[in-house]
């Protein structure tokens, strides 16, 4: 690992903490890394690095990003992913044999368990598989502990994941095996009472200076490279914004425009405009703000006509920013139209998350400022999301649109739609899905674009 790389330095902090707090405690069965959401990639990098031949920990790491749908099927899903990974590791098995490191683990019993599981929970089967895999490790690794890092890409509901983890502890995770999970600072949902499983669990938080590391990394390289120059301008503008120094913000914003214009890259030039404009939303009366939005959108259109693929998603963002700007000027009908334009453009090009964000903002603005259009827009939003996959639904603001539209069709007694929404949301969030969505909405408010729009509107 390159120790001079700022991100590698932060990763090294995690390695040192793990060696100190976890590696020396073989009695542990569950390790909970409490992280900030923006740090997830670094921690995931730690797990993947340790799962590779370049790992430095005195344990054998295996990392799985298996989606969590419900507690009854999660163990089976992990086994399935494990077996697929094993099938794709033929080259590694051959290398072990060349080194006379015999590895005799046979996956056949677990393939059969999957085939004949009939949807039954396979928690015991997973624990047995982990134990037998550890026992089959080559002699030089036989004394090492096995760490299964469980990092679901998508989680339908955290309560179910906590129930699964608790059940694994109750069943008895075999000696020499640890489960590694992530939880979030300030919103810990996987914490389990220590007294129930004394000495088996450990939670750790490693303070990282990620933002500082990113800035160092972004500013490194050729200062004449327009992308490097733009990154530096972005961080300088961010520092000026924190200090509420509008003069300095304009100075670095103009530098960003100058650097990127010289590059001849339309996408980069438009990006500089939207970044600069985004900063100026905190100074909503600044006359440069509408100028940047208009000019940036015009540049994006030109880039799209010239085939610059970076300009299409920028155009989607500019529509949203125009909506936000109209909203803070209290031109609500204009704002609604911009958000609908944003949603439809994103939808046309399969940018599903951005489409749902646009529909959500249009619907919410109608609900508060133009009730006559509310249910028409809400219905359009509902129809727009019908083709979404389950994992797209569970991780987007579409769940709030479905919740609100459900109340409308329930009042109108539209039984067919009621049944369809009940079936879809019940599958994702359980029988009490309405209460679960209400809880999520309170604890995880959707991001607005820009994030401060709602506060500014009332200012």
Protein backbone atom coordinates (compact mmCIF):
# COMPACT_ATOMS: atom_id res chain seq x y z
CA UNK A 1 0.00 0.00 0.00
CA UNK A 2 1.21 3.52 -0.84
CA UNK A 3 1.54 5.12 2.58
CA UNK A 4 1.90 8.57 0.96
CA UNK A 5 -1.60 8.32 -0.49
CA UNK A 6 -3.92 10.31 1.88
CA UNK A 7 -6.74 7.75 1.54
CA UNK A 8 -4.30 4.89 2.21
CA UNK A 9 -3.21 6.71 5.37
CA UNK A 10 -6.85 6.77 6.59
CA UNK A 11 -7.24 3.10 5.71
CA UNK A 12 -4.13 2.36 7.74
CA UNK A 13 -5.88 3.87 10.79
CA UNK A 14 -8.61 1.23 10.47
CA UNK A 15 -6.02 -1.53 10.17
CA UNK A 16 -4.21 -0.37 13.33
CA UNK A 17 -7.47 -0.13 15.29
CA UNK A 18 -8.50 -3.61 14.14
CA UNK A 19 -5.16 -5.10 15.21
CA UNK A 20 -5.45 -3.47 18.62
CA UNK A 21 -9.12 -4.04 19.42
CA UNK A 22 -10.25 -7.08 17.43
CA UNK A 23 -7.44 -9.34 16.20
CA UNK A 24 -6.22 -10.02 19.74
CA UNK A 25 -9.69 -11.05 20.98
CA UNK A 26 -10.46 -14.54 19.58
CA UNK A 27 -13.59 -14.81 21.76
CA UNK A 28 -15.39 -12.18 19.69
CA UNK A 29 -18.18 -13.35 17.39
CA UNK A 30 -19.60 -10.06 16.07
CA UNK A 31 -17.72 -6.86 15.28
CA UNK A 32 -19.73 -3.73 14.54
CA UNK A 33 -17.86 -0.93 12.76
CA UNK A 34 -19.72 2.31 13.50
CA UNK A 35 -19.06 4.64 10.59
CA UNK A 36 -20.25 7.85 8.96
CA UNK A 37 -22.14 7.19 5.69
CA UNK A 38 -19.60 9.13 3.66
CA UNK A 39 -16.84 6.83 4.99
CA UNK A 40 -18.50 3.64 3.70
CA UNK A 41 -16.26 3.35 0.64
CA UNK A 42 -13.09 3.53 2.72
CA UNK A 43 -14.31 0.85 5.13
CA UNK A 44 -15.48 -1.30 2.24
CA UNK A 45 -12.01 -0.83 0.75
CA UNK A 46 -10.52 -2.09 4.03
CA UNK A 47 -12.64 -5.25 3.89
CA UNK A 48 -11.87 -5.90 0.22
CA UNK A 49 -8.15 -5.29 0.74
CA UNK A 50 -8.06 -7.76 3.63
CA UNK A 51 -9.99 -10.27 1.50
CA UNK A 52 -7.25 -10.08 -1.13
CA UNK A 53 -3.72 -11.56 -1.17
CA UNK A 54 -2.49 -8.09 -0.09
CA UNK A 55 -4.31 -8.16 3.26
CA UNK A 56 -2.28 -7.43 6.39
CA UNK A 57 -4.54 -8.71 9.16
CA UNK A 58 -3.78 -12.03 10.90
CA UNK A 59 -7.22 -13.36 9.90
CA UNK A 60 -8.82 -14.71 6.75
CA UNK A 61 -11.34 -12.14 5.47
CA UNK A 62 -14.23 -12.93 3.14
CA UNK A 63 -16.38 -9.98 2.02
CA UNK A 64 -19.92 -10.27 0.65
CA UNK A 65 -22.18 -7.45 -0.59
CA UNK A 66 -25.29 -9.65 -0.58
CA UNK A 67 -28.57 -7.68 -0.62
CA UNK A 68 -30.74 -8.09 2.48
CA UNK A 69 -34.39 -8.75 1.63
CA UNK A 70 -35.63 -10.43 4.82
CA UNK A 71 -34.24 -12.33 7.79
CA UNK A 72 -35.56 -15.71 6.62
CA UNK A 73 -33.78 -15.65 3.25
CA UNK A 74 -30.56 -13.76 4.05
CA UNK A 75 -28.46 -16.77 5.09
CA UNK A 76 -29.48 -18.59 1.91
CA UNK A 77 -28.54 -15.53 -0.16
CA UNK A 78 -25.08 -15.41 1.47
CA UNK A 79 -24.56 -19.13 0.83
CA UNK A 80 -25.55 -18.64 -2.81
CA UNK A 81 -23.09 -15.76 -3.25
CA UNK A 82 -20.38 -17.72 -1.42
CA UNK A 83 -20.77 -20.74 -3.69
CA UNK A 84 -20.73 -18.58 -6.82
CA UNK A 85 -17.52 -16.91 -5.63
CA UNK A 86 -16.00 -20.31 -4.88
CA UNK A 87 -16.91 -21.58 -8.36
CA UNK A 88 -15.12 -18.58 -9.85
CA UNK A 89 -11.95 -19.24 -7.83
CA UNK A 90 -10.59 -22.22 -9.77
CA UNK A 91 -7.30 -20.42 -10.49
CA UNK A 92 -6.76 -19.80 -6.78
CA UNK A 93 -7.41 -23.46 -5.94
CA UNK A 94 -4.84 -24.51 -8.54
CA UNK A 95 -2.32 -22.08 -7.06
CA UNK A 96 -2.87 -23.55 -3.58
CA UNK A 97 -2.27 -27.05 -4.92
CA UNK A 98 0.97 -25.94 -6.60
CA UNK A 99 2.14 -24.64 -3.21
CA UNK A 100 1.21 -28.00 -1.64
CA UNK A 101 -1.40 -26.22 0.39
CA UNK A 102 -4.17 -28.78 0.20
CA UNK A 103 -7.69 -27.31 0.40
CA UNK A 104 -10.30 -30.02 0.58
CA UNK A 105 -13.53 -28.13 1.26
CA UNK A 106 -16.44 -29.59 -0.71
CA UNK A 107 -19.37 -27.27 -1.51
CA UNK A 108 -21.73 -30.03 -2.70
CA UNK A 109 -23.72 -30.34 0.55
CA UNK A 110 -24.44 -26.62 0.57
CA UNK A 111 -25.48 -26.58 -3.07
CA UNK A 112 -27.97 -29.31 -2.21
CA UNK A 113 -29.17 -27.38 0.83
CA UNK A 114 -29.97 -24.42 -1.41
CA UNK A 115 -31.76 -26.60 -3.95
CA UNK A 116 -33.91 -28.32 -1.32
CA UNK A 117 -34.35 -25.43 1.08
CA UNK A 118 -37.95 -24.70 -0.01
CA UNK A 119 -37.64 -21.15 1.27
CA UNK A 120 -36.81 -22.25 4.83
CA UNK A 121 -34.21 -20.25 6.81
CA UNK A 122 -30.70 -21.66 6.37
CA UNK A 123 -29.04 -19.98 9.36
CA UNK A 124 -27.73 -23.27 10.80
CA UNK A 125 -26.50 -24.30 7.37
CA UNK A 126 -24.59 -21.03 6.95
CA UNK A 127 -22.90 -21.41 10.35
CA UNK A 128 -21.97 -25.01 9.55
CA UNK A 129 -20.59 -23.96 6.16
CA UNK A 130 -18.42 -21.25 7.72
CA UNK A 131 -17.08 -23.66 10.32
CA UNK A 132 -16.29 -26.41 7.81
CA UNK A 133 -14.66 -23.91 5.45
CA UNK A 134 -12.42 -22.70 8.26
CA UNK A 135 -11.49 -26.26 9.22
CA UNK A 136 -10.52 -26.95 5.60
CA UNK A 137 -8.10 -24.01 5.31
CA UNK A 138 -4.49 -24.92 4.34
CA UNK A 139 -2.17 -25.78 7.21
CA UNK A 140 -0.41 -22.39 7.26
CA UNK A 141 -3.76 -20.66 7.78
CA UNK A 142 -5.41 -23.23 10.02
CA UNK A 143 -4.85 -21.16 13.18
CA UNK A 144 -6.28 -17.99 11.66
CA UNK A 145 -9.76 -16.75 12.43
CA UNK A 146 -12.32 -16.42 9.63
CA UNK A 147 -13.98 -13.00 9.29
CA UNK A 148 -17.13 -12.79 7.20
CA UNK A 149 -17.73 -9.13 6.34
CA UNK A 150 -21.45 -8.78 5.65
CA UNK A 151 -21.95 -5.49 3.78
CA UNK A 152 -25.34 -5.56 2.03
CA UNK A 153 -25.56 -3.26 -1.00
CA UNK A 154 -29.30 -2.87 -0.30
CA UNK A 155 -31.21 -3.39 2.95
CA UNK A 156 -35.01 -3.59 2.83
CA UNK A 157 -35.33 -2.87 6.56
CA UNK A 158 -32.71 -2.60 9.28
CA UNK A 159 -34.86 -4.19 11.97
CA UNK A 160 -34.92 -7.43 10.01
CA UNK A 161 -31.14 -7.34 9.61
CA UNK A 162 -30.73 -6.85 13.36
CA UNK A 163 -33.08 -9.79 13.99
CA UNK A 164 -30.97 -11.95 11.67
CA UNK A 165 -27.75 -10.99 13.46
CA UNK A 166 -29.30 -11.61 16.89
CA UNK A 167 -30.52 -15.02 15.74
CA UNK A 168 -27.03 -15.98 14.55
CA UNK A 169 -25.65 -15.12 17.99
CA UNK A 170 -28.41 -17.13 19.70
CA UNK A 171 -27.68 -20.17 17.54
CA UNK A 172 -23.99 -19.89 18.43
CA UNK A 173 -21.41 -18.61 15.97
CA UNK A 174 -18.61 -21.22 15.97
CA UNK A 175 -15.26 -20.49 17.62
CA UNK A 176 -12.75 -18.90 15.29
CA UNK A 177 -15.42 -17.12 13.22
CA UNK A 178 -16.43 -13.46 13.35
CA UNK A 179 -19.20 -11.60 11.57
CA UNK A 180 -18.35 -8.02 10.63
CA UNK A 181 -21.17 -5.49 10.12
CA UNK A 182 -21.43 -1.74 9.49
CA UNK A 183 -23.61 0.64 11.52
CA UNK A 184 -23.97 4.42 11.31
CA UNK A 185 -22.83 7.09 13.76
CA UNK A 186 -25.87 8.83 15.28
CA UNK A 187 -28.25 6.25 13.82
CA UNK A 188 -27.08 2.92 15.23
CA UNK A 189 -29.60 0.22 14.40
CA UNK A 190 -27.59 -2.97 14.89
CA UNK A 191 -26.65 -2.46 18.54
CA UNK A 192 -27.46 -5.57 20.62
CA UNK A 193 -27.48 -5.74 24.41
CA UNK A 194 -24.00 -6.83 25.52
CA UNK A 195 -25.40 -8.67 28.57
CA UNK A 196 -27.20 -11.13 26.28
CA UNK A 197 -23.93 -12.31 24.72
CA UNK A 198 -21.16 -11.32 27.15
CA UNK A 199 -17.70 -11.03 25.62
CA UNK A 200 -18.90 -11.94 22.12
CA UNK A 201 -19.50 -8.48 20.65
CA UNK A 202 -17.36 -5.44 20.04
CA UNK A 203 -18.24 -2.05 18.57
CA UNK A 204 -15.57 0.30 17.30
CA UNK A 205 -15.45 3.73 15.71
CA UNK A 206 -12.25 4.95 14.08
CA UNK A 207 -12.20 8.76 13.65
CA UNK A 208 -11.14 9.48 10.08
CA UNK A 209 -10.13 12.75 8.46
CA UNK A 210 -11.68 11.77 5.16
CA UNK A 211 -12.55 15.24 3.89
CA UNK A 212 -9.01 16.42 4.48
CA UNK A 213 -7.64 13.32 2.71
CA UNK A 214 -9.93 13.86 -0.28
CA UNK A 215 -8.81 17.47 -0.55
CA UNK A 216 -5.15 16.47 -0.49
CA UNK A 217 -5.76 13.81 -3.11
CA UNK A 218 -7.83 16.14 -5.30
CA UNK A 219 -5.17 18.85 -5.24
CA UNK A 220 -2.34 16.48 -6.06
CA UNK A 221 -1.20 16.06 -9.65
CA UNK A 222 -0.57 18.46 -12.49
CA UNK A 223 -1.93 21.91 -11.49
CA UNK A 224 -2.39 22.75 -15.19
CA UNK A 225 -4.77 19.83 -15.68
CA UNK A 226 -8.25 21.46 -15.82
CA UNK A 227 -9.84 18.64 -13.79
CA UNK A 228 -7.23 19.03 -11.03
CA UNK A 229 -7.67 22.81 -11.15
CA UNK A 230 -11.45 22.46 -10.91
CA UNK A 231 -11.17 20.22 -7.85
CA UNK A 232 -8.93 22.75 -6.14
CA UNK A 233 -11.37 25.55 -6.96
CA UNK A 234 -14.23 23.46 -5.56
CA UNK A 235 -12.53 23.00 -2.21
CA UNK A 236 -11.46 26.64 -2.04
CA UNK A 237 -15.06 27.68 -2.74
CA UNK A 238 -16.22 25.31 0.00
CA UNK A 239 -13.83 26.89 2.48
CA UNK A 240 -15.00 30.37 1.43
CA UNK A 241 -18.60 29.29 1.93
CA UNK A 242 -17.88 28.03 5.45
CA UNK A 243 -16.30 31.41 6.25
CA UNK A 244 -19.26 33.21 4.57
CA UNK A 245 -16.71 35.06 2.47
CA UNK A 246 -18.69 35.88 -0.69
CA UNK A 247 -15.83 37.85 -2.26
CA UNK A 248 -13.45 34.88 -2.01
CA UNK A 249 -16.15 32.52 -3.25
CA UNK A 250 -16.62 34.64 -6.38
CA UNK A 251 -12.85 34.79 -6.89
CA UNK A 252 -12.46 31.00 -6.92
CA UNK A 253 -15.72 30.50 -8.81
CA UNK A 254 -14.44 32.69 -11.62
CA UNK A 255 -11.15 30.78 -11.62
CA UNK A 256 -13.11 27.55 -12.02
CA UNK A 257 -14.90 29.00 -15.04
CA UNK A 258 -11.66 30.26 -16.57
CA UNK A 259 -9.77 26.98 -16.13
CA UNK A 260 -12.57 24.83 -17.57
CA UNK A 261 -13.40 27.17 -20.46
CA UNK A 262 -9.80 26.95 -21.67
CA UNK A 263 -10.06 23.15 -21.70
CA UNK A 264 -12.67 23.21 -24.47
CA UNK A 265 -14.53 20.44 -22.59
CA UNK A 266 -18.25 21.35 -22.51
CA UNK A 267 -19.04 18.87 -19.74
CA UNK A 268 -16.28 20.23 -17.51
CA UNK A 269 -17.25 23.85 -18.27
CA UNK A 270 -20.92 23.15 -17.44
CA UNK A 271 -19.86 21.34 -14.25
CA UNK A 272 -17.98 24.43 -13.09
CA UNK A 273 -21.15 26.50 -13.61
CA UNK A 274 -23.38 24.15 -11.61
CA UNK A 275 -20.87 23.83 -8.77
CA UNK A 276 -20.44 27.61 -8.56
CA UNK A 277 -24.21 28.15 -8.72
CA UNK A 278 -24.78 25.52 -6.03
CA UNK A 279 -22.52 27.45 -3.65
CA UNK A 280 -24.38 30.69 -4.38
CA UNK A 281 -27.70 29.19 -3.25
CA UNK A 282 -26.52 30.10 0.23
CA UNK A 283 -26.52 33.72 -0.96
CA UNK A 284 -29.83 33.48 -2.79
CA UNK A 285 -30.03 37.17 -3.81
CA UNK A 286 -26.66 37.17 -5.55
CA UNK A 287 -27.22 38.30 -9.17
CA UNK A 288 -24.67 35.78 -10.47
CA UNK A 289 -26.84 32.82 -9.50
CA UNK A 290 -29.46 33.00 -12.32
CA UNK A 291 -26.73 33.96 -14.82
CA UNK A 292 -24.73 30.81 -13.99
CA UNK A 293 -27.82 28.61 -14.23
CA UNK A 294 -28.84 29.97 -17.64
CA UNK A 295 -25.34 29.89 -19.10
CA UNK A 296 -24.54 26.46 -17.64
CA UNK A 297 -27.72 24.95 -19.07
CA UNK A 298 -26.97 26.46 -22.49
CA UNK A 299 -23.46 24.94 -22.41
CA UNK A 300 -24.93 21.56 -21.44
CA UNK A 301 -27.31 21.68 -24.41
CA UNK A 302 -24.39 22.45 -26.72
CA UNK A 303 -22.42 19.57 -25.23
CA UNK A 304 -25.33 17.18 -25.73
CA UNK A 305 -25.60 18.21 -29.38
CA UNK A 306 -21.87 17.51 -29.77
CA UNK A 307 -22.21 14.07 -28.18
CA UNK A 308 -20.63 14.85 -24.78
CA UNK A 309 -22.16 12.13 -22.58
CA UNK A 310 -21.38 14.06 -19.38
CA UNK A 311 -23.82 16.81 -20.37
CA UNK A 312 -27.07 14.83 -20.19
CA UNK A 313 -26.96 14.19 -16.40
CA UNK A 314 -25.83 17.81 -15.97
CA UNK A 315 -28.92 18.96 -17.85
CA UNK A 316 -31.07 16.93 -15.44
CA UNK A 317 -29.35 18.71 -12.54
CA UNK A 318 -29.79 22.15 -14.12
CA UNK A 319 -33.55 21.56 -14.43
CA UNK A 320 -33.62 20.75 -10.71
CA UNK A 321 -31.56 23.83 -9.83
CA UNK A 322 -33.85 26.04 -11.92
CA UNK A 323 -36.79 24.59 -9.99
CA UNK A 324 -35.05 25.27 -6.71
CA UNK A 325 -34.26 28.85 -7.74
CA UNK A 326 -37.87 29.49 -8.77
CA UNK A 327 -38.98 28.02 -5.45
CA UNK A 328 -36.88 30.33 -3.29
CA UNK A 329 -38.23 33.28 -5.32
CA UNK A 330 -41.70 31.94 -4.43
CA UNK A 331 -42.59 31.31 -8.07
CA UNK A 332 -44.12 27.98 -7.10
CA UNK A 333 -45.93 27.10 -10.33
CA UNK A 334 -42.72 27.75 -12.30
CA UNK A 335 -40.77 25.61 -9.83
CA UNK A 336 -43.25 22.75 -10.20
CA UNK A 337 -42.85 22.84 -13.98
CA UNK A 338 -39.05 22.73 -13.72
CA UNK A 339 -39.17 19.74 -11.34
CA UNK A 340 -41.56 17.90 -13.67
CA UNK A 341 -39.23 18.64 -16.61
CA UNK A 342 -36.37 17.26 -14.55
CA UNK A 343 -38.32 14.11 -13.71
CA UNK A 344 -39.39 13.45 -17.29
CA UNK A 345 -35.94 14.01 -18.78
CA UNK A 346 -34.36 11.72 -16.20
CA UNK A 347 -37.08 9.14 -16.74
CA UNK A 348 -36.59 9.24 -20.51
CA UNK A 349 -32.94 8.28 -20.07
CA UNK A 350 -33.43 5.75 -17.24
CA UNK A 351 -31.92 7.93 -14.51
CA UNK A 352 -34.46 6.45 -12.13
CA UNK A 353 -33.30 7.93 -8.84
CA UNK A 354 -33.11 11.45 -10.28
CA UNK A 355 -36.53 10.99 -11.87
CA UNK A 356 -38.08 10.04 -8.55
CA UNK A 357 -36.40 13.01 -6.84
CA UNK A 358 -37.93 15.34 -9.41
CA UNK A 359 -41.40 13.83 -9.05
CA UNK A 360 -41.15 13.93 -5.26
CA UNK A 361 -40.23 17.60 -5.21
CA UNK A 362 -42.97 18.50 -7.68
CA UNK A 363 -45.55 16.57 -5.65
CA UNK A 364 -44.44 18.02 -2.33
CA UNK A 365 -44.55 21.56 -3.71
CA UNK A 366 -48.04 20.93 -5.10
CA UNK A 367 -49.17 19.56 -1.74
CA UNK A 368 -48.08 22.73 0.04
CA UNK A 369 -48.60 25.43 -2.59
CA UNK A 370 -50.90 24.19 -5.35
CA UNK A 371 -53.27 21.56 -3.97
CA UNK A 372 -55.36 21.55 -7.14
CA UNK A 373 -52.51 19.80 -8.99
CA UNK A 374 -51.34 17.60 -6.13
CA UNK A 375 -53.13 14.34 -6.90
CA UNK A 376 -52.58 14.63 -10.66
CA UNK A 377 -48.82 15.00 -10.13
CA UNK A 378 -48.83 12.27 -7.47
CA UNK A 379 -50.54 9.90 -9.91
CA UNK A 380 -47.99 10.72 -12.64
CA UNK A 381 -45.22 9.99 -10.14
CA UNK A 382 -46.85 6.70 -9.16
CA UNK A 383 -47.12 5.59 -12.80
CA UNK A 384 -43.55 6.71 -13.52
CA UNK A 385 -42.19 4.33 -10.90
CA UNK A 386 -44.13 1.19 -11.85
CA UNK A 387 -41.17 -0.25 -13.76
CA UNK A 388 -38.70 0.19 -10.86
CA UNK A 389 -37.03 -2.89 -9.42
CA UNK A 390 -37.55 -3.70 -5.74
CA UNK A 391 -34.09 -2.48 -4.72
CA UNK A 392 -34.63 0.80 -6.60
CA UNK A 393 -37.93 1.31 -4.79
CA UNK A 394 -36.59 0.59 -1.32
CA UNK A 395 -33.67 3.03 -1.67
CA UNK A 396 -35.46 5.97 -3.33
CA UNK A 397 -38.04 8.61 -2.43
CA UNK A 398 -40.55 6.58 -4.43
CA UNK A 399 -41.51 4.90 -1.16
CA UNK A 400 -42.89 8.25 0.09
CA UNK A 401 -44.77 8.82 -3.16
CA UNK A 402 -46.32 5.35 -2.86
CA UNK A 403 -47.26 5.99 0.76
CA UNK A 404 -49.02 9.27 -0.10
CA UNK A 405 -50.69 7.90 -3.22
CA UNK A 406 -51.96 4.94 -1.20
CA UNK A 407 -53.91 7.28 1.07
CA UNK A 408 -55.46 8.93 -1.98
CA UNK A 409 -56.58 5.69 -3.69
CA UNK A 410 -57.73 4.32 -0.34
CA UNK A 411 -60.02 7.31 0.13
CA UNK A 412 -61.26 6.89 -3.47
CA UNK A 413 -61.71 3.13 -2.88
CA UNK A 414 -59.69 2.20 -6.00
CA UNK A 415 -59.32 -1.41 -4.93
CA UNK A 416 -57.08 -2.64 -7.75
CA UNK A 417 -54.41 0.01 -7.05
CA UNK A 418 -54.76 -0.46 -3.29
CA UNK A 419 -54.04 -4.17 -3.72
CA UNK A 420 -51.05 -3.58 -6.01
CA UNK A 421 -49.39 -1.10 -3.63
CA UNK A 422 -50.12 -3.29 -0.60
CA UNK A 423 -48.55 -6.30 -2.28
CA UNK A 424 -45.47 -4.41 -3.45
CA UNK A 425 -44.77 -2.57 -0.21
CA UNK A 426 -45.71 -5.51 1.99
CA UNK A 427 -43.10 -7.58 0.16
CA UNK A 428 -40.45 -4.93 0.79
CA UNK A 429 -41.30 -3.66 4.26
CA UNK A 430 -43.61 -6.21 5.88
CA UNK A 431 -47.29 -6.16 6.83
CA UNK A 432 -46.93 -2.90 8.75
CA UNK A 433 -45.31 -1.14 5.79
CA UNK A 434 -47.25 2.11 6.21
CA UNK A 435 -45.99 2.59 9.76
CA UNK A 436 -42.47 1.64 8.65
CA UNK A 437 -42.46 4.21 5.83
CA UNK A 438 -43.78 6.88 8.22
CA UNK A 439 -40.95 6.05 10.60
CA UNK A 440 -38.35 6.17 7.82
CA UNK A 441 -39.69 9.50 6.59
CA UNK A 442 -39.24 10.99 10.07
CA UNK A 443 -35.73 9.66 10.59
CA UNK A 444 -34.40 9.85 7.02
CA UNK A 445 -35.84 12.91 5.37
CA UNK A 446 -35.21 12.95 1.61
CA UNK A 447 -32.51 15.24 0.27
CA UNK A 448 -33.76 18.27 -1.58
CA UNK A 449 -31.88 19.81 -4.51
CA UNK A 450 -30.17 21.97 -3.42
CA UNK A 451 -30.39 20.71 0.19
CA UNK A 452 -31.19 24.07 1.73
CA UNK A 453 -34.12 24.92 -0.60
CA UNK A 454 -36.92 24.32 1.87
CA UNK A 455 -35.36 26.53 4.53
CA UNK A 456 -34.67 29.35 2.07
CA UNK A 457 -38.20 29.40 0.78
CA UNK A 458 -39.47 30.52 4.17
CA UNK A 459 -36.61 32.98 4.76
